[in-house]
Amino acid sequence: MKIWLDDERPEPCKHIWTRALNYPNFERLVKDNKHIITHISFDHDLGYSDPLERTGYHAACLIEELAANNDINPAIQLAVHSANPSGAQRIFLVLQRAIKFVGGDPNTVRWHCNNPYQSWEE
């Protein structure tokens, strides 16, 4: 399963990616499918559809928590595609820590802020 977290931009390929529009939707998708998720790409600003105003940063922290507990697919591929530079940086650093928790190389976390669809197209 591939998850695209973004409230504005459509997923790269609708029949391959599942789009989460906000944090509650993302959290449900992740918790229901955590061991079969292969890719996640994160936007930071998720509009106002979440009453708690959680962002892609909060979603990245959920992934980090699951990784720290060894409760996620260790081969997961993670990326940031947010146009918000400071938000993207915060997400990126959390995702690098998450990859370390599952024994991966933190340099594999991708940053696609200038072109959100770079190398995700199937």
N, C-alpha and C. Protein backbone atom coordinates (compact mmCIF):
# COMPACT_ATOMS: atom_id res chain seq x y z
N MET A 1 0.84 -1.17 0.00
CA MET A 1 0.00 0.00 0.00
C MET A 1 0.88 1.24 0.00
N LYS A 2 0.47 2.24 -0.78
CA LYS A 2 1.17 3.51 -0.86
C LYS A 2 0.21 4.61 -0.42
N ILE A 3 0.67 5.46 0.50
CA ILE A 3 -0.17 6.53 1.03
C ILE A 3 0.41 7.88 0.64
N TRP A 4 -0.47 8.73 0.12
CA TRP A 4 -0.14 10.09 -0.28
C TRP A 4 -0.90 11.03 0.65
N LEU A 5 -0.20 11.70 1.57
CA LEU A 5 -0.83 12.60 2.53
C LEU A 5 -0.80 14.02 1.98
N ASP A 6 -1.96 14.50 1.54
CA ASP A 6 -2.03 15.84 0.97
C ASP A 6 -3.50 16.25 0.83
N ASP A 7 -3.81 17.46 1.25
CA ASP A 7 -5.19 17.94 1.16
C ASP A 7 -5.48 18.63 -0.17
N GLU A 8 -4.45 18.98 -0.94
CA GLU A 8 -4.65 19.71 -2.19
C GLU A 8 -4.21 18.95 -3.44
N ARG A 9 -3.00 18.47 -3.44
CA ARG A 9 -2.47 17.80 -4.64
C ARG A 9 -2.98 16.37 -4.72
N PRO A 10 -3.40 15.97 -5.91
CA PRO A 10 -3.85 14.57 -6.07
C PRO A 10 -2.67 13.60 -6.02
N GLU A 11 -2.97 12.38 -5.68
CA GLU A 11 -1.95 11.35 -5.64
C GLU A 11 -1.38 11.11 -7.03
N PRO A 12 -0.13 10.62 -7.12
CA PRO A 12 0.53 10.45 -8.42
C PRO A 12 -0.21 9.52 -9.38
N CYS A 13 -0.76 8.45 -8.86
CA CYS A 13 -1.44 7.47 -9.70
C CYS A 13 -2.58 6.88 -8.86
N LYS A 14 -3.81 7.23 -9.20
CA LYS A 14 -4.95 6.89 -8.35
C LYS A 14 -5.14 5.40 -8.12
N HIS A 15 -4.79 4.58 -9.07
CA HIS A 15 -5.02 3.14 -8.87
C HIS A 15 -3.88 2.47 -8.09
N ILE A 16 -2.82 3.23 -7.76
CA ILE A 16 -1.70 2.68 -7.00
C ILE A 16 -1.59 3.32 -5.62
N TRP A 17 -1.85 4.61 -5.53
CA TRP A 17 -1.73 5.35 -4.27
C TRP A 17 -3.08 5.55 -3.63
N THR A 18 -3.10 5.58 -2.30
CA THR A 18 -4.29 5.92 -1.54
C THR A 18 -4.04 7.28 -0.92
N ARG A 19 -4.97 8.20 -1.15
CA ARG A 19 -4.79 9.57 -0.67
C ARG A 19 -5.44 9.75 0.71
N ALA A 20 -4.69 10.34 1.61
CA ALA A 20 -5.22 10.76 2.92
C ALA A 20 -5.27 12.27 2.90
N LEU A 21 -6.43 12.84 3.20
CA LEU A 21 -6.61 14.29 3.12
C LEU A 21 -6.23 15.02 4.40
N ASN A 22 -6.21 14.30 5.51
CA ASN A 22 -5.95 14.93 6.80
C ASN A 22 -5.37 13.91 7.77
N TYR A 23 -5.00 14.36 8.95
CA TYR A 23 -4.39 13.47 9.92
C TYR A 23 -5.31 12.33 10.35
N PRO A 24 -6.57 12.59 10.71
CA PRO A 24 -7.41 11.47 11.14
C PRO A 24 -7.53 10.37 10.07
N ASN A 25 -7.65 10.78 8.81
CA ASN A 25 -7.72 9.81 7.71
C ASN A 25 -6.41 9.04 7.59
N PHE A 26 -5.29 9.76 7.69
CA PHE A 26 -3.96 9.14 7.63
C PHE A 26 -3.78 8.14 8.77
N GLU A 27 -4.12 8.54 9.97
CA GLU A 27 -3.94 7.69 11.14
C GLU A 27 -4.73 6.38 10.99
N ARG A 28 -5.95 6.48 10.50
CA ARG A 28 -6.76 5.28 10.30
C ARG A 28 -6.13 4.36 9.26
N LEU A 29 -5.70 4.94 8.13
CA LEU A 29 -5.07 4.14 7.08
C LEU A 29 -3.81 3.44 7.60
N VAL A 30 -3.00 4.17 8.34
CA VAL A 30 -1.74 3.60 8.83
C VAL A 30 -2.01 2.51 9.86
N LYS A 31 -2.86 2.77 10.82
CA LYS A 31 -3.10 1.78 11.87
C LYS A 31 -3.76 0.52 11.33
N ASP A 32 -4.59 0.66 10.29
CA ASP A 32 -5.26 -0.50 9.70
C ASP A 32 -4.35 -1.29 8.75
N ASN A 33 -3.28 -0.67 8.27
CA ASN A 33 -2.46 -1.29 7.22
C ASN A 33 -0.96 -1.22 7.48
N LYS A 34 -0.55 -0.95 8.71
CA LYS A 34 0.84 -0.61 9.00
C LYS A 34 1.88 -1.61 8.52
N HIS A 35 1.54 -2.87 8.42
CA HIS A 35 2.54 -3.86 8.01
C HIS A 35 2.61 -4.08 6.50
N ILE A 36 1.66 -3.49 5.78
CA ILE A 36 1.68 -3.66 4.32
C ILE A 36 1.97 -2.35 3.58
N ILE A 37 2.19 -1.27 4.32
CA ILE A 37 2.51 0.01 3.68
C ILE A 37 3.94 -0.05 3.15
N THR A 38 4.11 0.29 1.88
CA THR A 38 5.43 0.27 1.26
C THR A 38 5.99 1.67 1.03
N HIS A 39 5.09 2.66 0.85
CA HIS A 39 5.51 4.03 0.56
C HIS A 39 4.56 5.01 1.27
N ILE A 40 5.14 6.11 1.76
CA ILE A 40 4.33 7.24 2.23
C ILE A 40 5.02 8.51 1.79
N SER A 41 4.24 9.44 1.24
CA SER A 41 4.75 10.76 0.89
C SER A 41 3.93 11.80 1.67
N PHE A 42 4.63 12.76 2.28
CA PHE A 42 4.03 13.69 3.24
C PHE A 42 3.99 15.13 2.75
N ASP A 43 2.83 15.73 2.87
CA ASP A 43 2.68 17.18 2.78
C ASP A 43 2.66 17.68 4.22
N HIS A 44 3.00 18.95 4.44
CA HIS A 44 2.96 19.48 5.81
C HIS A 44 1.62 20.12 6.12
N ASP A 45 1.23 21.12 5.36
CA ASP A 45 0.01 21.87 5.65
C ASP A 45 -1.20 21.11 5.11
N LEU A 46 -2.09 20.75 6.01
CA LEU A 46 -3.23 19.91 5.63
C LEU A 46 -4.56 20.63 5.74
N GLY A 47 -4.56 21.94 5.60
CA GLY A 47 -5.80 22.70 5.63
C GLY A 47 -6.43 22.68 7.01
N TYR A 48 -7.72 22.85 7.03
CA TYR A 48 -8.43 22.97 8.30
C TYR A 48 -9.48 21.89 8.48
N SER A 49 -9.28 20.74 7.84
CA SER A 49 -10.27 19.67 7.96
C SER A 49 -10.11 18.87 9.26
N ASP A 50 -9.06 19.12 10.00
CA ASP A 50 -8.82 18.46 11.28
C ASP A 50 -9.03 19.49 12.38
N PRO A 51 -9.99 19.27 13.26
CA PRO A 51 -10.26 20.27 14.31
C PRO A 51 -9.06 20.52 15.23
N LEU A 52 -8.14 19.58 15.33
CA LEU A 52 -6.95 19.76 16.17
C LEU A 52 -5.79 20.37 15.39
N GLU A 53 -6.01 20.64 14.10
CA GLU A 53 -5.02 21.26 13.22
C GLU A 53 -3.70 20.51 13.18
N ARG A 54 -3.78 19.18 13.16
CA ARG A 54 -2.56 18.39 13.04
C ARG A 54 -2.05 18.46 11.60
N THR A 55 -0.75 18.37 11.47
CA THR A 55 -0.09 18.55 10.18
C THR A 55 0.61 17.26 9.76
N GLY A 56 1.30 17.35 8.63
CA GLY A 56 2.12 16.24 8.19
C GLY A 56 3.23 15.91 9.18
N TYR A 57 3.66 16.89 9.95
CA TYR A 57 4.65 16.64 11.00
C TYR A 57 4.09 15.64 12.02
N HIS A 58 2.86 15.83 12.43
CA HIS A 58 2.24 14.90 13.38
C HIS A 58 2.12 13.50 12.78
N ALA A 59 1.83 13.45 11.49
CA ALA A 59 1.75 12.15 10.80
C ALA A 59 3.12 11.48 10.79
N ALA A 60 4.18 12.26 10.54
CA ALA A 60 5.53 11.71 10.56
C ALA A 60 5.89 11.20 11.95
N CYS A 61 5.45 11.91 12.97
CA CYS A 61 5.72 11.47 14.35
C CYS A 61 5.03 10.14 14.64
N LEU A 62 3.84 9.91 14.07
CA LEU A 62 3.17 8.62 14.23
C LEU A 62 4.01 7.52 13.61
N ILE A 63 4.55 7.77 12.43
CA ILE A 63 5.40 6.77 11.77
C ILE A 63 6.65 6.52 12.60
N GLU A 64 7.24 7.57 13.16
CA GLU A 64 8.42 7.40 14.00
C GLU A 64 8.09 6.54 15.23
N GLU A 65 6.95 6.79 15.83
CA GLU A 65 6.55 6.00 17.01
C GLU A 65 6.37 4.52 16.65
N LEU A 66 5.72 4.26 15.53
CA LEU A 66 5.55 2.87 15.10
C LEU A 66 6.90 2.22 14.80
N ALA A 67 7.78 2.97 14.16
CA ALA A 67 9.11 2.44 13.84
C ALA A 67 9.90 2.16 15.11
N ALA A 68 9.80 3.04 16.09
CA ALA A 68 10.53 2.85 17.35
C ALA A 68 10.05 1.59 18.07
N ASN A 69 8.80 1.23 17.86
CA ASN A 69 8.22 0.02 18.46
C ASN A 69 8.30 -1.19 17.54
N ASN A 70 9.03 -1.03 16.42
CA ASN A 70 9.18 -2.10 15.44
C ASN A 70 7.82 -2.61 14.96
N ASP A 71 6.91 -1.68 14.72
CA ASP A 71 5.53 -2.02 14.39
C ASP A 71 5.13 -1.46 13.03
N ILE A 72 6.07 -1.47 12.09
CA ILE A 72 5.81 -1.01 10.73
C ILE A 72 6.71 -1.78 9.78
N ASN A 73 6.35 -1.82 8.53
CA ASN A 73 7.13 -2.50 7.50
C ASN A 73 8.55 -1.92 7.46
N PRO A 74 9.58 -2.71 7.76
CA PRO A 74 10.94 -2.16 7.79
C PRO A 74 11.46 -1.73 6.42
N ALA A 75 10.82 -2.16 5.35
CA ALA A 75 11.25 -1.78 4.01
C ALA A 75 10.51 -0.54 3.49
N ILE A 76 9.79 0.14 4.36
CA ILE A 76 9.00 1.30 3.95
C ILE A 76 9.88 2.38 3.32
N GLN A 77 9.34 3.03 2.29
CA GLN A 77 10.03 4.15 1.65
C GLN A 77 9.26 5.41 1.99
N LEU A 78 9.98 6.44 2.43
CA LEU A 78 9.35 7.66 2.92
C LEU A 78 9.85 8.87 2.14
N ALA A 79 8.95 9.85 1.95
CA ALA A 79 9.32 11.06 1.23
C ALA A 79 8.52 12.25 1.76
N VAL A 80 9.05 13.43 1.51
CA VAL A 80 8.38 14.68 1.82
C VAL A 80 8.18 15.42 0.52
N HIS A 81 6.94 15.88 0.27
CA HIS A 81 6.69 16.66 -0.93
C HIS A 81 6.08 18.03 -0.63
N SER A 82 6.16 18.48 0.60
CA SER A 82 5.56 19.74 1.02
C SER A 82 6.29 20.95 0.43
N ALA A 83 5.52 21.98 0.09
CA ALA A 83 6.09 23.23 -0.39
C ALA A 83 6.43 24.17 0.77
N ASN A 84 6.11 23.77 1.99
CA ASN A 84 6.41 24.57 3.18
C ASN A 84 7.83 24.18 3.63
N PRO A 85 8.83 25.04 3.41
CA PRO A 85 10.22 24.65 3.68
C PRO A 85 10.50 24.26 5.13
N SER A 86 10.01 25.04 6.08
CA SER A 86 10.31 24.70 7.48
C SER A 86 9.54 23.46 7.92
N GLY A 87 8.30 23.32 7.46
CA GLY A 87 7.53 22.12 7.78
C GLY A 87 8.14 20.89 7.16
N ALA A 88 8.59 21.02 5.91
CA ALA A 88 9.22 19.89 5.21
C ALA A 88 10.49 19.45 5.94
N GLN A 89 11.27 20.41 6.41
CA GLN A 89 12.50 20.09 7.13
C GLN A 89 12.21 19.31 8.40
N ARG A 90 11.19 19.74 9.14
CA ARG A 90 10.83 19.05 10.39
C ARG A 90 10.39 17.61 10.09
N ILE A 91 9.57 17.44 9.06
CA ILE A 91 9.10 16.09 8.68
C ILE A 91 10.29 15.23 8.27
N PHE A 92 11.15 15.79 7.43
CA PHE A 92 12.31 15.07 6.92
C PHE A 92 13.17 14.51 8.04
N LEU A 93 13.45 15.32 9.05
CA LEU A 93 14.28 14.87 10.17
C LEU A 93 13.61 13.76 10.97
N VAL A 94 12.32 13.86 11.17
CA VAL A 94 11.58 12.80 11.89
C VAL A 94 11.61 11.51 11.09
N LEU A 95 11.42 11.61 9.78
CA LEU A 95 11.41 10.41 8.94
C LEU A 95 12.79 9.75 8.90
N GLN A 96 13.84 10.54 8.92
CA GLN A 96 15.18 9.96 8.98
C GLN A 96 15.37 9.16 10.26
N ARG A 97 14.88 9.68 11.37
CA ARG A 97 14.97 8.93 12.64
C ARG A 97 14.15 7.65 12.56
N ALA A 98 12.97 7.74 11.96
CA ALA A 98 12.10 6.55 11.84
C ALA A 98 12.81 5.45 11.05
N ILE A 99 13.44 5.82 9.96
CA ILE A 99 14.15 4.83 9.14
C ILE A 99 15.29 4.19 9.94
N LYS A 100 15.97 4.98 10.76
CA LYS A 100 17.04 4.42 11.60
C LYS A 100 16.48 3.38 12.57
N PHE A 101 15.29 3.64 13.12
CA PHE A 101 14.69 2.70 14.07
C PHE A 101 14.45 1.33 13.46
N VAL A 102 14.12 1.29 12.15
CA VAL A 102 13.85 -0.01 11.52
C VAL A 102 15.10 -0.57 10.85
N GLY A 103 16.26 0.03 11.13
CA GLY A 103 17.51 -0.49 10.62
C GLY A 103 17.85 -0.06 9.21
N GLY A 104 17.16 0.97 8.72
CA GLY A 104 17.42 1.45 7.37
C GLY A 104 18.40 2.60 7.33
N ASP A 105 18.71 3.02 6.13
CA ASP A 105 19.63 4.13 5.88
C ASP A 105 18.82 5.43 5.84
N PRO A 106 19.07 6.36 6.75
CA PRO A 106 18.30 7.61 6.75
C PRO A 106 18.48 8.43 5.48
N ASN A 107 19.53 8.15 4.72
CA ASN A 107 19.74 8.87 3.46
C ASN A 107 18.77 8.43 2.36
N THR A 108 17.96 7.41 2.64
CA THR A 108 16.98 6.98 1.63
C THR A 108 15.69 7.78 1.70
N VAL A 109 15.51 8.58 2.74
CA VAL A 109 14.32 9.44 2.81
C VAL A 109 14.43 10.48 1.71
N ARG A 110 13.36 10.63 0.94
CA ARG A 110 13.38 11.52 -0.23
C ARG A 110 12.77 12.88 0.10
N TRP A 111 13.26 13.88 -0.60
CA TRP A 111 12.76 15.24 -0.46
C TRP A 111 12.37 15.73 -1.84
N HIS A 112 11.07 15.88 -2.08
CA HIS A 112 10.56 16.25 -3.40
C HIS A 112 9.78 17.56 -3.36
N CYS A 113 10.31 18.56 -2.70
CA CYS A 113 9.55 19.81 -2.52
C CYS A 113 9.37 20.60 -3.81
N ASN A 114 10.33 20.54 -4.71
CA ASN A 114 10.21 21.30 -5.95
C ASN A 114 9.35 20.58 -6.98
N ASN A 115 9.34 19.27 -6.93
CA ASN A 115 8.50 18.47 -7.82
C ASN A 115 7.93 17.32 -7.01
N PRO A 116 6.71 17.45 -6.50
CA PRO A 116 6.18 16.43 -5.59
C PRO A 116 6.02 15.05 -6.22
N TYR A 117 6.02 14.96 -7.52
CA TYR A 117 5.81 13.67 -8.17
C TYR A 117 7.11 13.01 -8.63
N GLN A 118 8.23 13.67 -8.38
CA GLN A 118 9.54 13.16 -8.80
C GLN A 118 9.79 11.75 -8.29
N SER A 119 10.08 10.86 -9.16
CA SER A 119 10.44 9.46 -8.93
C SER A 119 9.34 8.63 -8.26
N TRP A 120 8.14 9.20 -8.06
CA TRP A 120 7.05 8.40 -7.53
C TRP A 120 6.16 7.88 -8.65
N GLU A 121 6.30 8.43 -9.83
CA GLU A 121 5.44 8.03 -10.93
C GLU A 121 5.74 6.61 -11.35
N GLU A 122 4.69 5.86 -11.52
CA GLU A 122 4.82 4.43 -11.87
C GLU A 122 4.77 4.26 -13.37
